[in-house]
Amino acid sequence: MRLPPASEPIRVSDRFRLTLEATILSLEAGAARDERTLPLLADPDHRRRHQLLISAQLDRAFRLRELLARTVRSSASSTSLVSRY
C-alpha cells in the first residue's frame, strides 16, 4: 500500500494515533536506556552492535514521528459511537 502524497494528510483513528505515540516513546526510551548501558560494555564488537541497535531505534522513532506529523483524526473517530442494541 502506497502512502498518499506528502501534501495529503493520512486519516487515522484515535486508537492508532495513541499506539503510534506509545511506540515512539518506547523506542526513544529504549534508545536512552541503551545509551546509558553503552559505557559498561567492554568488548568493542559488542559496543559496535549495541550502537547499531541504538541507531536503529532512533531511526525508527524518527520515521514514525514523521508519519505522526502527517496524520489527522479520521471523521469516524470524531463521531460518537451508536449502540447496536
Protein backbone atom coordinates (compact mmCIF):
# COMPACT_ATOMS: atom_id res chain seq x y z
CA MET A 1 0.00 0.00 0.00
CA ARG A 2 1.39 3.35 -1.02
CA LEU A 3 1.27 6.41 1.18
CA PRO A 4 -0.68 9.41 -0.10
CA PRO A 5 1.38 12.33 -1.44
CA ALA A 6 3.15 14.32 1.27
CA SER A 7 0.72 17.21 0.86
CA GLU A 8 -2.23 14.95 1.66
CA PRO A 9 -2.85 14.08 5.36
CA ILE A 10 -3.24 10.49 6.47
CA ARG A 11 -6.51 9.89 8.30
CA VAL A 12 -6.15 7.65 11.35
CA SER A 13 -8.26 6.68 14.34
CA ASP A 14 -7.53 7.99 17.82
CA ARG A 15 -6.55 4.47 18.87
CA PHE A 16 -4.00 4.16 16.06
CA ARG A 17 -2.55 7.60 16.85
CA LEU A 18 -2.17 6.68 20.53
CA THR A 19 -0.49 3.41 19.56
CA LEU A 20 1.88 5.28 17.26
CA GLU A 21 2.74 7.78 20.01
CA ALA A 22 3.33 4.98 22.54
CA THR A 23 5.61 3.15 20.10
CA ILE A 24 7.65 6.30 19.51
CA LEU A 25 8.06 6.93 23.24
CA SER A 26 9.02 3.29 23.83
CA LEU A 27 11.67 3.38 21.09
CA GLU A 28 13.15 6.63 22.40
CA ALA A 29 13.16 5.37 26.00
CA GLY A 30 14.82 2.13 24.89
CA ALA A 31 17.48 4.05 22.98
CA ALA A 32 18.16 6.28 26.01
CA ARG A 33 18.44 3.23 28.27
CA ASP A 34 20.77 1.51 25.80
CA GLU A 35 22.93 4.65 25.54
CA ARG A 36 23.37 4.62 29.32
CA THR A 37 24.43 0.96 29.12
CA LEU A 38 26.95 1.51 26.33
CA PRO A 39 29.88 2.66 28.54
CA LEU A 40 29.55 -0.51 30.63
CA LEU A 41 30.29 -2.81 27.68
CA ALA A 42 33.88 -3.98 27.50
CA ASP A 43 34.02 -5.84 24.18
CA PRO A 44 34.49 -3.46 21.21
CA ASP A 45 32.32 -5.58 18.91
CA HIS A 46 29.56 -5.71 21.50
CA ARG A 47 29.76 -1.90 21.80
CA ARG A 48 29.57 -1.57 18.00
CA ARG A 49 26.49 -3.81 17.74
CA HIS A 50 24.87 -2.02 20.66
CA GLN A 51 25.46 1.32 18.92
CA LEU A 52 23.81 -0.11 15.79
CA LEU A 53 20.79 -1.06 17.92
CA ILE A 54 20.58 2.47 19.33
CA SER A 55 20.83 3.97 15.84
CA ALA A 56 18.07 1.68 14.55
CA GLN A 57 15.78 2.58 17.47
CA LEU A 58 16.28 6.30 16.94
CA ASP A 59 15.86 6.00 13.18
CA ARG A 60 12.58 4.10 13.58
CA ALA A 61 11.31 6.64 16.13
CA PHE A 62 12.21 9.49 13.76
CA ARG A 63 10.38 7.87 10.83
CA LEU A 64 7.33 7.23 12.99
CA ARG A 65 7.39 10.87 14.16
CA GLU A 66 7.40 11.97 10.52
CA LEU A 67 4.39 9.73 9.89
CA LEU A 68 2.66 11.05 13.01
CA ALA A 69 3.13 14.62 11.78
CA ARG A 70 1.18 13.72 8.62
CA THR A 71 -1.80 12.22 10.45
CA VAL A 72 -5.18 13.74 11.21
CA ARG A 73 -8.12 12.25 13.08
CA SER A 74 -10.46 10.35 10.83
CA SER A 75 -14.04 11.58 10.78
CA ALA A 76 -15.26 8.21 12.06
CA SER A 77 -13.25 8.57 15.28
CA SER A 78 -14.61 12.08 15.94
CA THR A 79 -18.25 10.96 15.94
CA SER A 80 -19.91 9.34 18.91
CA LEU A 81 -20.48 5.62 18.88
CA VAL A 82 -24.04 4.44 18.44
CA SER A 83 -25.15 1.35 20.30
CA ARG A 84 -26.30 -1.53 18.13
CA TYR A 85 -28.93 -2.61 20.67
